[in-house]
PDB file of N, CA and C in Angstrom:
ATOM      1  N   MET A   1       7.904 -14.350  15.094  1.00  0.00           N
ATOM      2  CA  MET A   1       7.347 -14.095  13.778  1.00  0.00           C
ATOM      3  C   MET A   1       6.796 -12.671  13.685  1.00  0.00           C
ATOM      4  N   GLN A   2       6.001 -12.254  14.672  1.00  0.00           N
ATOM      5  CA  GLN A   2       5.403 -10.926  14.645  1.00  0.00           C
ATOM      6  C   GLN A   2       6.476  -9.847  14.656  1.00  0.00           C
ATOM      7  N   LYS A   3       7.566 -10.061  15.413  1.00  0.00           N
ATOM      8  CA  LYS A   3       8.640  -9.077  15.454  1.00  0.00           C
ATOM      9  C   LYS A   3       9.288  -8.944  14.081  1.00  0.00           C
ATOM     10  N   ASP A   4       9.498 -10.062  13.382  1.00  0.00           N
ATOM     11  CA  ASP A   4      10.073 -10.029  12.042  1.00  0.00           C
ATOM     12  C   ASP A   4       9.193  -9.246  11.080  1.00  0.00           C
ATOM     13  N   VAL A   5       7.895  -9.471  11.136  1.00  0.00           N
ATOM     14  CA  VAL A   5       6.975  -8.758  10.258  1.00  0.00           C
ATOM     15  C   VAL A   5       7.012  -7.274  10.574  1.00  0.00           C
ATOM     16  N   SER A   6       7.047  -6.919  11.848  1.00  0.00           N
ATOM     17  CA  SER A   6       7.078  -5.515  12.228  1.00  0.00           C
ATOM     18  C   SER A   6       8.358  -4.847  11.752  1.00  0.00           C
ATOM     19  N   GLU A   7       9.476  -5.530  11.817  1.00  0.00           N
ATOM     20  CA  GLU A   7      10.746  -4.962  11.353  1.00  0.00           C
ATOM     21  C   GLU A   7      10.715  -4.775   9.835  1.00  0.00           C
ATOM     22  N   LYS A   8      10.210  -5.771   9.119  1.00  0.00           N
ATOM     23  CA  LYS A   8      10.073  -5.645   7.671  1.00  0.00           C
ATOM     24  C   LYS A   8       9.132  -4.494   7.336  1.00  0.00           C
ATOM     25  N   THR A   9       8.032  -4.428   8.062  1.00  0.00           N
ATOM     26  CA  THR A   9       7.050  -3.378   7.849  1.00  0.00           C
ATOM     27  C   THR A   9       7.675  -2.014   8.059  1.00  0.00           C
ATOM     28  N   ARG A  10       8.448  -1.868   9.128  1.00  0.00           N
ATOM     29  CA  ARG A  10       9.081  -0.587   9.433  1.00  0.00           C
ATOM     30  C   ARG A  10      10.003  -0.160   8.298  1.00  0.00           C
ATOM     31  N   LYS A  11      10.788  -1.077   7.782  1.00  0.00           N
ATOM     32  CA  LYS A  11      11.724  -0.754   6.701  1.00  0.00           C
ATOM     33  C   LYS A  11      10.980  -0.361   5.424  1.00  0.00           C
ATOM     34  N   VAL A  12       9.944  -1.119   5.092  1.00  0.00           N
ATOM     35  CA  VAL A  12       9.160  -0.808   3.896  1.00  0.00           C
ATOM     36  C   VAL A  12       8.511   0.561   4.038  1.00  0.00           C
ATOM     37  N   LEU A  13       7.942   0.830   5.202  1.00  0.00           N
ATOM     38  CA  LEU A  13       7.287   2.117   5.423  1.00  0.00           C
ATOM     39  C   LEU A  13       8.278   3.269   5.346  1.00  0.00           C
ATOM     40  N   GLU A  14       9.497   3.084   5.840  1.00  0.00           N
ATOM     41  CA  GLU A  14      10.520   4.130   5.753  1.00  0.00           C
ATOM     42  C   GLU A  14      10.824   4.477   4.302  1.00  0.00           C
ATOM     43  N   VAL A  15      11.045   3.463   3.497  1.00  0.00           N
ATOM     44  CA  VAL A  15      11.366   3.688   2.083  1.00  0.00           C
ATOM     45  C   VAL A  15      10.201   4.360   1.370  1.00  0.00           C
ATOM     46  N   LEU A  16       8.997   3.854   1.590  1.00  0.00           N
ATOM     47  CA  LEU A  16       7.836   4.419   0.914  1.00  0.00           C
ATOM     48  C   LEU A  16       7.545   5.838   1.371  1.00  0.00           C
ATOM     49  N   THR A  17       7.777   6.130   2.639  1.00  0.00           N
ATOM     50  CA  THR A  17       7.572   7.484   3.138  1.00  0.00           C
ATOM     51  C   THR A  17       8.552   8.438   2.478  1.00  0.00           C
ATOM     52  N   GLN A  18       9.797   8.023   2.321  1.00  0.00           N
ATOM     53  CA  GLN A  18      10.790   8.855   1.638  1.00  0.00           C
ATOM     54  C   GLN A  18      10.369   9.116   0.194  1.00  0.00           C
ATOM     55  N   GLU A  19       9.897   8.085  -0.483  1.00  0.00           N
ATOM     56  CA  GLU A  19       9.463   8.247  -1.873  1.00  0.00           C
ATOM     57  C   GLU A  19       8.233   9.139  -1.964  1.00  0.00           C
ATOM     58  N   GLN A  20       7.337   8.995  -1.004  1.00  0.00           N
ATOM     59  CA  GLN A  20       6.114   9.792  -1.009  1.00  0.00           C
ATOM     60  C   GLN A  20       6.443  11.277  -0.890  1.00  0.00           C
ATOM     61  N   LYS A  21       7.457  11.618  -0.123  1.00  0.00           N
ATOM     62  CA  LYS A  21       7.849  13.014   0.060  1.00  0.00           C
ATOM     63  C   LYS A  21       8.366  13.637  -1.230  1.00  0.00           C
ATOM     64  N   LYS A  22       8.835  12.826  -2.162  1.00  0.00           N
ATOM     65  CA  LYS A  22       9.378  13.324  -3.422  1.00  0.00           C
ATOM     66  C   LYS A  22       8.294  13.721  -4.426  1.00  0.00           C
ATOM     67  N   LEU A  23       7.072  13.288  -4.180  1.00  0.00           N
ATOM     68  CA  LEU A  23       6.003  13.538  -5.143  1.00  0.00           C
ATOM     69  C   LEU A  23       5.629  15.018  -5.195  1.00  0.00           C
ATOM     70  N   THR A  24       5.269  15.482  -6.378  1.00  0.00           N
ATOM     71  CA  THR A  24       4.855  16.869  -6.579  1.00  0.00           C
ATOM     72  C   THR A  24       3.432  16.897  -7.107  1.00  0.00           C
ATOM     73  N   ILE A  25       2.900  18.092  -7.249  1.00  0.00           N
ATOM     74  CA  ILE A  25       1.552  18.241  -7.795  1.00  0.00           C
ATOM     75  C   ILE A  25       1.470  17.639  -9.198  1.00  0.00           C
ATOM     76  N   THR A  26       2.523  17.790  -9.969  1.00  0.00           N
ATOM     77  CA  THR A  26       2.528  17.215 -11.316  1.00  0.00           C
ATOM     78  C   THR A  26       2.421  15.700 -11.251  1.00  0.00           C
ATOM     79  N   ASN A  27       3.105  15.101 -10.278  1.00  0.00           N
ATOM     80  CA  ASN A  27       3.001  13.652 -10.112  1.00  0.00           C
ATOM     81  C   ASN A  27       1.559  13.250  -9.825  1.00  0.00           C
ATOM     82  N   LEU A  28       0.864  14.075  -9.076  1.00  0.00           N
ATOM     83  CA  LEU A  28      -0.526  13.765  -8.736  1.00  0.00           C
ATOM     84  C   LEU A  28      -1.393  13.715  -9.988  1.00  0.00           C
ATOM     85  N   SER A  29      -1.194  14.669 -10.897  1.00  0.00           N
ATOM     86  CA  SER A  29      -1.998  14.656 -12.119  1.00  0.00           C
ATOM     87  C   SER A  29      -1.632  13.467 -12.998  1.00  0.00           C
ATOM     88  N   LEU A  30      -0.366  13.082 -12.991  1.00  0.00           N
ATOM     89  CA  LEU A  30       0.057  11.914 -13.757  1.00  0.00           C
ATOM     90  C   LEU A  30      -0.559  10.641 -13.186  1.00  0.00           C
ATOM     91  N   LEU A  31      -0.617  10.560 -11.855  1.00  0.00           N
ATOM     92  CA  LEU A  31      -1.254   9.401 -11.230  1.00  0.00           C
ATOM     93  C   LEU A  31      -2.744   9.350 -11.553  1.00  0.00           C
ATOM     94  N   ALA A  32      -3.363  10.518 -11.673  1.00  0.00           N
ATOM     95  CA  ALA A  32      -4.781  10.550 -12.023  1.00  0.00           C
ATOM     96  C   ALA A  32      -4.992   9.908 -13.391  1.00  0.00           C
ATOM     97  N   THR A  33      -4.046  10.130 -14.294  1.00  0.00           N
ATOM     98  CA  THR A  33      -4.112   9.499 -15.604  1.00  0.00           C
ATOM     99  C   THR A  33      -4.059   7.979 -15.465  1.00  0.00           C
ATOM    100  N   ALA A  34      -3.265   7.504 -14.506  1.00  0.00           N
ATOM    101  CA  ALA A  34      -3.155   6.062 -14.273  1.00  0.00           C
ATOM    102  C   ALA A  34      -4.327   5.531 -13.454  1.00  0.00           C
ATOM    103  N   LYS A  35      -5.251   6.423 -13.079  1.00  0.00           N
ATOM    104  CA  LYS A  35      -6.415   6.059 -12.271  1.00  0.00           C
ATOM    105  C   LYS A  35      -6.005   5.402 -10.954  1.00  0.00           C
ATOM    106  N   CYS A  36      -5.033   6.018 -10.294  1.00  0.00           N
ATOM    107  CA  CYS A  36      -4.511   5.488  -9.038  1.00  0.00           C
ATOM    108  C   CYS A  36      -4.108   6.669  -8.168  1.00  0.00           C
ATOM    109  N   ASP A  37      -4.747   6.848  -7.014  1.00  0.00           N
ATOM    110  CA  ASP A  37      -4.345   7.961  -6.161  1.00  0.00           C
ATOM    111  C   ASP A  37      -3.187   7.544  -5.260  1.00  0.00           C
ATOM    112  N   LEU A  38      -2.595   8.522  -4.593  1.00  0.00           N
ATOM    113  CA  LEU A  38      -1.403   8.248  -3.793  1.00  0.00           C
ATOM    114  C   LEU A  38      -1.660   7.269  -2.662  1.00  0.00           C
ATOM    115  N   THR A  39      -2.794   7.406  -2.000  1.00  0.00           N
ATOM    116  CA  THR A  39      -3.096   6.494  -0.896  1.00  0.00           C
ATOM    117  C   THR A  39      -3.247   5.071  -1.413  1.00  0.00           C
ATOM    118  N   GLU A  40      -3.945   4.926  -2.519  1.00  0.00           N
ATOM    119  CA  GLU A  40      -4.116   3.596  -3.107  1.00  0.00           C
ATOM    120  C   GLU A  40      -2.764   3.020  -3.518  1.00  0.00           C
ATOM    121  N   LEU A  41      -1.939   3.831  -4.165  1.00  0.00           N
ATOM    122  CA  LEU A  41      -0.618   3.371  -4.584  1.00  0.00           C
ATOM    123  C   LEU A  41       0.216   2.962  -3.378  1.00  0.00           C
ATOM    124  N   TYR A  42       0.181   3.768  -2.326  1.00  0.00           N
ATOM    125  CA  TYR A  42       0.939   3.477  -1.103  1.00  0.00           C
ATOM    126  C   TYR A  42       0.486   2.156  -0.485  1.00  0.00           C
ATOM    127  N   ILE A  43      -0.818   1.976  -0.370  1.00  0.00           N
ATOM    128  CA  ILE A  43      -1.352   0.746   0.226  1.00  0.00           C
ATOM    129  C   ILE A  43      -0.974  -0.467  -0.621  1.00  0.00           C
ATOM    130  N   LEU A  44      -1.148  -0.368  -1.925  1.00  0.00           N
ATOM    131  CA  LEU A  44      -0.845  -1.505  -2.795  1.00  0.00           C
ATOM    132  C   LEU A  44       0.644  -1.830  -2.807  1.00  0.00           C
ATOM    133  N   MET A  45       1.482  -0.809  -2.831  1.00  0.00           N
ATOM    134  CA  MET A  45       2.929  -1.050  -2.820  1.00  0.00           C
ATOM    135  C   MET A  45       3.370  -1.651  -1.494  1.00  0.00           C
ATOM    136  N   THR A  46       2.838  -1.127  -0.406  1.00  0.00           N
ATOM    137  CA  THR A  46       3.230  -1.604   0.915  1.00  0.00           C
ATOM    138  C   THR A  46       2.744  -3.031   1.141  1.00  0.00           C
ATOM    139  N   ALA A  47       1.479  -3.287   0.830  1.00  0.00           N
ATOM    140  CA  ALA A  47       0.926  -4.633   1.022  1.00  0.00           C
ATOM    141  C   ALA A  47       1.605  -5.640   0.102  1.00  0.00           C
ATOM    142  N   GLY A  48       1.999  -5.202  -1.074  1.00  0.00           N
ATOM    143  CA  GLY A  48       2.650  -6.099  -2.014  1.00  0.00           C
ATOM    144  C   GLY A  48       4.122  -6.332  -1.726  1.00  0.00           C
ATOM    145  N   ALA A  49       4.685  -5.556  -0.814  1.00  0.00           N
ATOM    146  CA  ALA A  49       6.125  -5.638  -0.542  1.00  0.00           C
ATOM    147  C   ALA A  49       6.494  -6.742   0.441  1.00  0.00           C
ATOM    148  N   THR A  50       5.515  -7.309   1.112  1.00  0.00           N
ATOM    149  CA  THR A  50       5.810  -8.353   2.091  1.00  0.00           C
ATOM    150  C   THR A  50       5.136  -9.658   1.683  1.00  0.00           C
ATOM    151  N   GLU A  51       5.827 -10.733   1.883  1.00  0.00           N
ATOM    152  CA  GLU A  51       5.311 -12.046   1.499  1.00  0.00           C
ATOM    153  C   GLU A  51       4.140 -12.475   2.383  1.00  0.00           C
ATOM    154  N   ASP A  52       4.215 -12.144   3.671  1.00  0.00           N
ATOM    155  CA  ASP A  52       3.196 -12.584   4.624  1.00  0.00           C
ATOM    156  C   ASP A  52       2.003 -11.647   4.714  1.00  0.00           C
ATOM    157  N   GLY A  53       2.066 -10.490   4.075  1.00  0.00           N
ATOM    158  CA  GLY A  53       1.002  -9.506   4.173  1.00  0.00           C
ATOM    159  C   GLY A  53       1.376  -8.390   5.122  1.00  0.00           C
ATOM    160  N   MET A  54       0.649  -7.296   5.028  1.00  0.00           N
ATOM    161  CA  MET A  54       0.922  -6.109   5.828  1.00  0.00           C
ATOM    162  C   MET A  54      -0.180  -5.929   6.862  1.00  0.00           C
ATOM    163  N   ASN A  55       0.226  -5.674   8.083  1.00  0.00           N
ATOM    164  CA  ASN A  55      -0.692  -5.427   9.186  1.00  0.00           C
ATOM    165  C   ASN A  55      -1.481  -4.147   8.903  1.00  0.00           C
ATOM    166  N   VAL A  56      -2.798  -4.188   9.065  1.00  0.00           N
ATOM    167  CA  VAL A  56      -3.653  -3.032   8.814  1.00  0.00           C
ATOM    168  C   VAL A  56      -3.240  -1.859   9.699  1.00  0.00           C
ATOM    169  N   LYS A  57      -2.914  -2.133  10.946  1.00  0.00           N
ATOM    170  CA  LYS A  57      -2.506  -1.058  11.857  1.00  0.00           C
ATOM    171  C   LYS A  57      -1.225  -0.387  11.365  1.00  0.00           C
ATOM    172  N   ASP A  58      -0.274  -1.170  10.879  1.00  0.00           N
ATOM    173  CA  ASP A  58       0.970  -0.598  10.361  1.00  0.00           C
ATOM    174  C   ASP A  58       0.715   0.261   9.127  1.00  0.00           C
ATOM    175  N   LEU A  59      -0.220  -0.147   8.296  1.00  0.00           N
ATOM    176  CA  LEU A  59      -0.591   0.673   7.140  1.00  0.00           C
ATOM    177  C   LEU A  59      -1.128   2.024   7.589  1.00  0.00           C
ATOM    178  N   SER A  60      -1.991   2.012   8.596  1.00  0.00           N
ATOM    179  CA  SER A  60      -2.579   3.265   9.066  1.00  0.00           C
ATOM    180  C   SER A  60      -1.521   4.184   9.667  1.00  0.00           C
ATOM    181  N   VAL A  61      -0.574   3.612  10.391  1.00  0.00           N
ATOM    182  CA  VAL A  61       0.514   4.414  10.962  1.00  0.00           C
ATOM    183  C   VAL A  61       1.355   5.024   9.839  1.00  0.00           C
ATOM    184  N   GLY A  62       1.691   4.226   8.838  1.00  0.00           N
ATOM    185  CA  GLY A  62       2.493   4.713   7.719  1.00  0.00           C
ATOM    186  C   GLY A  62       1.812   5.816   6.934  1.00  0.00           C
ATOM    187  N   LEU A  63       0.492   5.739   6.826  1.00  0.00           N
ATOM    188  CA  LEU A  63      -0.265   6.750   6.104  1.00  0.00           C
ATOM    189  C   LEU A  63      -0.607   7.953   6.972  1.00  0.00           C
ATOM    190  N   GLY A  64      -0.529   7.774   8.276  1.00  0.00           N
ATOM    191  CA  GLY A  64      -0.880   8.863   9.181  1.00  0.00           C
ATOM    192  C   GLY A  64      -2.379   9.102   9.267  1.00  0.00           C
ATOM    193  N   ILE A  65      -3.168   8.056   9.024  1.00  0.00           N
ATOM    194  CA  ILE A  65      -4.621   8.165   9.148  1.00  0.00           C
ATOM    195  C   ILE A  65      -5.124   7.024  10.034  1.00  0.00           C
ATOM    196  N   SER A  66      -6.354   7.146  10.488  1.00  0.00           N
ATOM    197  CA  SER A  66      -6.891   6.168  11.430  1.00  0.00           C
ATOM    198  C   SER A  66      -7.046   4.788  10.792  1.00  0.00           C
ATOM    199  N   THR A  67      -7.034   3.789  11.651  1.00  0.00           N
ATOM    200  CA  THR A  67      -7.228   2.415  11.193  1.00  0.00           C
ATOM    201  C   THR A  67      -8.594   2.264  10.532  1.00  0.00           C
ATOM    202  N   SER A  68      -9.594   2.951  11.065  1.00  0.00           N
ATOM    203  CA  SER A  68     -10.932   2.846  10.468  1.00  0.00           C
ATOM    204  C   SER A  68     -10.957   3.457   9.068  1.00  0.00           C
ATOM    205  N   ALA A  69     -10.232   4.549   8.849  1.00  0.00           N
ATOM    206  CA  ALA A  69     -10.171   5.153   7.511  1.00  0.00           C
ATOM    207  C   ALA A  69      -9.473   4.213   6.526  1.00  0.00           C
ATOM    208  N   VAL A  70      -8.413   3.563   6.985  1.00  0.00           N
ATOM    209  CA  VAL A  70      -7.719   2.586   6.136  1.00  0.00           C
ATOM    210  C   VAL A  70      -8.652   1.415   5.847  1.00  0.00           C
ATOM    211  N   SER A  71      -9.387   0.962   6.849  1.00  0.00           N
ATOM    212  CA  SER A  71     -10.301  -0.174   6.671  1.00  0.00           C
ATOM    213  C   SER A  71     -11.372   0.116   5.630  1.00  0.00           C
ATOM    214  N   VAL A  72     -11.865   1.355   5.600  1.00  0.00           N
ATOM    215  CA  VAL A  72     -12.858   1.736   4.592  1.00  0.00           C
ATOM    216  C   VAL A  72     -12.255   1.592   3.196  1.00  0.00           C
ATOM    217  N   ARG A  73     -11.036   2.090   3.032  1.00  0.00           N
ATOM    218  CA  ARG A  73     -10.342   1.967   1.739  1.00  0.00           C
ATOM    219  C   ARG A  73     -10.126   0.498   1.378  1.00  0.00           C
ATOM    220  N   LEU A  74      -9.670  -0.276   2.360  1.00  0.00           N
ATOM    221  CA  LEU A  74      -9.377  -1.683   2.106  1.00  0.00           C
ATOM    222  C   LEU A  74     -10.621  -2.446   1.670  1.00  0.00           C
ATOM    223  N   SER A  75     -11.760  -2.117   2.259  1.00  0.00           N
ATOM    224  CA  SER A  75     -13.017  -2.774   1.866  1.00  0.00           C
ATOM    225  C   SER A  75     -13.311  -2.527   0.390  1.00  0.00           C
ATOM    226  N   LYS A  76     -13.087  -1.287  -0.057  1.00  0.00           N
ATOM    227  CA  LYS A  76     -13.314  -0.955  -1.466  1.00  0.00           C
ATOM    228  C   LYS A  76     -12.353  -1.726  -2.367  1.00  0.00           C
ATOM    229  N   TYR A  77     -11.085  -1.782  -1.966  1.00  0.00           N
ATOM    230  CA  TYR A  77     -10.084  -2.476  -2.779  1.00  0.00           C
ATOM    231  C   TYR A  77     -10.361  -3.977  -2.830  1.00  0.00           C
ATOM    232  N   MET A  78     -10.868  -4.519  -1.723  1.00  0.00           N
ATOM    233  CA  MET A  78     -11.177  -5.944  -1.682  1.00  0.00           C
ATOM    234  C   MET A  78     -12.359  -6.257  -2.613  1.00  0.00           C
ATOM    235  N   LYS A  79     -13.358  -5.375  -2.629  1.00  0.00           N
ATOM    236  CA  LYS A  79     -14.533  -5.591  -3.478  1.00  0.00           C
ATOM    237  C   LYS A  79     -14.179  -5.625  -4.962  1.00  0.00           C
ATOM    238  N   VAL A  80     -13.162  -4.845  -5.354  1.00  0.00           N
ATOM    239  CA  VAL A  80     -12.777  -4.822  -6.774  1.00  0.00           C
ATOM    240  C   VAL A  80     -11.622  -5.774  -7.077  1.00  0.00           C
ATOM    241  N   GLY A  81     -11.220  -6.562  -6.079  1.00  0.00           N
ATOM    242  CA  GLY A  81     -10.238  -7.614  -6.308  1.00  0.00           C
ATOM    243  C   GLY A  81      -8.782  -7.193  -6.304  1.00  0.00           C
ATOM    244  N   LEU A  82      -8.467  -6.047  -5.685  1.00  0.00           N
ATOM    245  CA  LEU A  82      -7.074  -5.596  -5.638  1.00  0.00           C
ATOM    246  C   LEU A  82      -6.294  -6.204  -4.474  1.00  0.00           C
ATOM    247  N   ILE A  83      -7.003  -6.578  -3.403  1.00  0.00           N
ATOM    248  CA  ILE A  83      -6.348  -7.118  -2.207  1.00  0.00           C
ATOM    249  C   ILE A  83      -7.157  -8.264  -1.619  1.00  0.00           C
ATOM    250  N   THR A  84      -6.509  -8.995  -0.721  1.00  0.00           N
ATOM    251  CA  THR A  84      -7.199  -9.952   0.146  1.00  0.00           C
ATOM    252  C   THR A  84      -6.828  -9.592   1.580  1.00  0.00           C
ATOM    253  N   ILE A  85      -7.711  -9.901   2.498  1.00  0.00           N
ATOM    254  CA  ILE A  85      -7.450  -9.655   3.917  1.00  0.00           C
ATOM    255  C   ILE A  85      -7.652 -10.972   4.655  1.00  0.00           C
ATOM    256  N   THR A  86      -6.638 -11.360   5.426  1.00  0.00           N
ATOM    257  CA  THR A  86      -6.707 -12.601   6.197  1.00  0.00           C
ATOM    258  C   THR A  86      -6.267 -12.339   7.626  1.00  0.00           C
ATOM    259  N   GLN A  87      -6.689 -13.227   8.526  1.00  0.00           N
ATOM    260  CA  GLN A  87      -6.242 -13.142   9.917  1.00  0.00           C
ATOM    261  C   GLN A  87      -4.836 -13.699  10.030  1.00  0.00           C
ATOM    262  N   SER A  88      -4.053 -13.081  10.899  1.00  0.00           N
ATOM    263  CA  SER A  88      -2.711 -13.584  11.183  1.00  0.00           C
ATOM    264  C   SER A  88      -2.823 -14.943  11.864  1.00  0.00           C
ATOM    265  N   ARG A  89      -1.932 -15.846  11.517  1.00  0.00           N
ATOM    266  CA  ARG A  89      -1.910 -17.156  12.180  1.00  0.00           C
ATOM    267  C   ARG A  89      -1.407 -17.029  13.612  1.00  0.00           C
ATOM    268  N   ASP A  90      -0.562 -16.031  13.854  1.00  0.00           N
ATOM    269  CA  ASP A  90       0.028 -15.846  15.177  1.00  0.00           C
ATOM    270  C   ASP A  90      -0.888 -15.110  16.150  1.00  0.00           C
ATOM    271  N   ASP A  91      -1.715 -14.202  15.627  1.00  0.00           N
ATOM    272  CA  ASP A  91      -2.569 -13.380  16.481  1.00  0.00           C
ATOM    273  C   ASP A  91      -3.861 -13.095  15.723  1.00  0.00           C
ATOM    274  N   ARG A  92      -4.950 -13.717  16.146  1.00  0.00           N
ATOM    275  CA  ARG A  92      -6.219 -13.589  15.424  1.00  0.00           C
ATOM    276  C   ARG A  92      -6.779 -12.171  15.433  1.00  0.00           C
ATOM    277  N   ARG A  93      -6.258 -11.313  16.299  1.00  0.00           N
ATOM    278  CA  ARG A  93      -6.707  -9.918  16.321  1.00  0.00           C
ATOM    279  C   ARG A  93      -6.105  -9.107  15.179  1.00  0.00           C
ATOM    280  N   VAL A  94      -5.069  -9.629  14.565  1.00  0.00           N
ATOM    281  CA  VAL A  94      -4.339  -8.916  13.515  1.00  0.00           C
ATOM    282  C   VAL A  94      -4.830  -9.353  12.137  1.00  0.00           C
ATOM    283  N   ASN A  95      -5.189  -8.371  11.314  1.00  0.00           N
ATOM    284  CA  ASN A  95      -5.576  -8.634   9.931  1.00  0.00           C
ATOM    285  C   ASN A  95      -4.424  -8.260   9.013  1.00  0.00           C
ATOM    286  N   LEU A  96      -4.128  -9.142   8.068  1.00  0.00           N
ATOM    287  CA  LEU A  96      -3.028  -8.925   7.136  1.00  0.00           C
ATOM    288  C   LEU A  96      -3.568  -8.684   5.730  1.00  0.00           C
ATOM    289  N   VAL A  97      -3.023  -7.682   5.080  1.00  0.00           N
ATOM    290  CA  VAL A  97      -3.436  -7.296   3.736  1.00  0.00           C
ATOM    291  C   VAL A  97      -2.390  -7.786   2.741  1.00  0.00           C
ATOM    292  N   GLN A  98      -2.856  -8.446   1.697  1.00  0.00           N
ATOM    293  CA  GLN A  98      -1.973  -8.880   0.618  1.00  0.00           C
ATOM    294  C   GLN A  98      -2.587  -8.453  -0.707  1.00  0.00           C
ATOM    295  N   THR A  99      -1.736  -8.115  -1.655  1.00  0.00           N
ATOM    296  CA  THR A  99      -2.241  -7.742  -2.968  1.00  0.00           C
ATOM    297  C   THR A  99      -2.522  -8.990  -3.801  1.00  0.00           C
ATOM    298  N   THR A 100      -3.477  -8.846  -4.688  1.00  0.00           N
ATOM    299  CA  THR A 100      -3.760  -9.883  -5.679  1.00  0.00           C
ATOM    300  C   THR A 100      -2.939  -9.554  -6.928  1.00  0.00           C
ATOM    301  N   ALA A 101      -3.034 -10.385  -7.932  1.00  0.00           N
ATOM    302  CA  ALA A 101      -2.349 -10.090  -9.199  1.00  0.00           C
ATOM    303  C   ALA A 101      -2.849  -8.762  -9.772  1.00  0.00           C
ATOM    304  N   ALA A 102      -4.154  -8.512  -9.651  1.00  0.00           N
ATOM    305  CA  ALA A 102      -4.721  -7.247 -10.137  1.00  0.00           C
ATOM    306  C   ALA A 102      -4.180  -6.064  -9.331  1.00  0.00           C
ATOM    307  N   GLY A 103      -4.027  -6.247  -8.026  1.00  0.00           N
ATOM    308  CA  GLY A 103      -3.468  -5.192  -7.180  1.00  0.00           C
ATOM    309  C   GLY A 103      -2.018  -4.907  -7.512  1.00  0.00           C
ATOM    310  N   ASP A 104      -1.260  -5.965  -7.776  1.00  0.00           N
ATOM    311  CA  ASP A 104       0.140  -5.789  -8.177  1.00  0.00           C
ATOM    312  C   ASP A 104       0.231  -5.027  -9.499  1.00  0.00           C
ATOM    313  N   GLU A 105      -0.656  -5.349 -10.436  1.00  0.00           N
ATOM    314  CA  GLU A 105      -0.652  -4.660 -11.731  1.00  0.00           C
ATOM    315  C   GLU A 105      -1.038  -3.194 -11.574  1.00  0.00           C
ATOM    316  N   LYS A 106      -2.015  -2.924 -10.715  1.00  0.00           N
ATOM    317  CA  LYS A 106      -2.441  -1.539 -10.475  1.00  0.00           C
ATOM    318  C   LYS A 106      -1.295  -0.739  -9.860  1.00  0.00           C
ATOM    319  N   ALA A 107      -0.573  -1.329  -8.914  1.00  0.00           N
ATOM    320  CA  ALA A 107       0.581  -0.661  -8.306  1.00  0.00           C
ATOM    321  C   ALA A 107       1.668  -0.434  -9.356  1.00  0.00           C
ATOM    322  N   ALA A 108       1.901  -1.431 -10.195  1.00  0.00           N
ATOM    323  CA  ALA A 108       2.914  -1.301 -11.249  1.00  0.00           C
ATOM    324  C   ALA A 108       2.530  -0.198 -12.231  1.00  0.00           C
ATOM    325  N   GLU A 109       1.244  -0.093 -12.536  1.00  0.00           N
ATOM    326  CA  GLU A 109       0.752   0.950 -13.433  1.00  0.00           C
ATOM    327  C   GLU A 109       1.025   2.333 -12.843  1.00  0.00           C
ATOM    328  N   GLY A 110       0.746   2.485 -11.564  1.00  0.00           N
ATOM    329  CA  GLY A 110       1.024   3.756 -10.891  1.00  0.00           C
ATOM    330  C   GLY A 110       2.508   4.071 -10.864  1.00  0.00           C
ATOM    331  N   MET A 111       3.327   3.060 -10.623  1.00  0.00           N
ATOM    332  CA  MET A 111       4.777   3.263 -10.589  1.00  0.00           C
ATOM    333  C   MET A 111       5.323   3.579 -11.981  1.00  0.00           C
ATOM    334  N   ARG A 112       4.751   2.973 -13.025  1.00  0.00           N
ATOM    335  CA  ARG A 112       5.179   3.305 -14.390  1.00  0.00           C
ATOM    336  C   ARG A 112       4.864   4.761 -14.705  1.00  0.00           C
ATOM    337  N   ALA A 113       3.706   5.228 -14.236  1.00  0.00           N
ATOM    338  CA  ALA A 113       3.346   6.627 -14.455  1.00  0.00           C
ATOM    339  C   ALA A 113       4.341   7.546 -13.754  1.00  0.00           C
ATOM    340  N   LEU A 114       4.716   7.198 -12.531  1.00  0.00           N
ATOM    341  CA  LEU A 114       5.703   8.004 -11.806  1.00  0.00           C
ATOM    342  C   LEU A 114       7.068   7.952 -12.487  1.00  0.00           C
ATOM    343  N   ALA A 115       7.476   6.769 -12.932  1.00  0.00           N
ATOM    344  CA  ALA A 115       8.776   6.619 -13.599  1.00  0.00           C
ATOM    345  C   ALA A 115       8.803   7.418 -14.896  1.00  0.00           C
ATOM    346  N   TYR A 116       7.704   7.423 -15.622  1.00  0.00           N
ATOM    347  CA  TYR A 116       7.621   8.197 -16.860  1.00  0.00           C
ATOM    348  C   TYR A 116       7.823   9.677 -16.566  1.00  0.00           C
ATOM    349  N   TYR A 117       7.165  10.159 -15.530  1.00  0.00           N
ATOM    350  CA  TYR A 117       7.300  11.571 -15.170  1.00  0.00           C
ATOM    351  C   TYR A 117       8.741  11.895 -14.787  1.00  0.00           C
ATOM    352  N   GLU A 118       9.388  11.016 -14.053  1.00  0.00           N
ATOM    353  CA  GLU A 118      10.763  11.254 -13.613  1.00  0.00           C
ATOM    354  C   GLU A 118      11.711  11.413 -14.799  1.00  0.00           C
ATOM    355  N   LYS A 119      11.405  10.762 -15.933  1.00  0.00           N
ATOM    356  CA  LYS A 119      12.257  10.855 -17.118  1.00  0.00           C
ATOM    357  C   LYS A 119      12.088  12.175 -17.853  1.00  0.00           C
ATOM    358  N   LEU A 120      10.960  12.853 -17.645  1.00  0.00           N
ATOM    359  CA  LEU A 120      10.697  14.117 -18.352  1.00  0.00           C
ATOM    360  C   LEU A 120      11.616  15.223 -17.920  1.00  0.00           C
TER     361      LEU A 120
END
């Protein structure tokens, strides 16, 4: 099970990393209008892309920042209802992040802002 999640995680992170590289300064200002920064959008899209949730460590690797920095962000997102964090059934040391309906909507809002810019 853990190997399957890691493989799914790797594929999702590859796609999102490629998309992240395409962003420009103009995209950043457009995202500001959507009230969603790139890190938040990345976390919400990645966590929402897997049915079982995304490993916190894998999120930190994909973002290139420490697990503790990701955890600080996740705590904020959890307080406002964008995500939930649960322990893995397979390994209690692993925390899995999943988006809520509000988190999915926030990610969709950010993606709509990016899609709008791409049409310009």
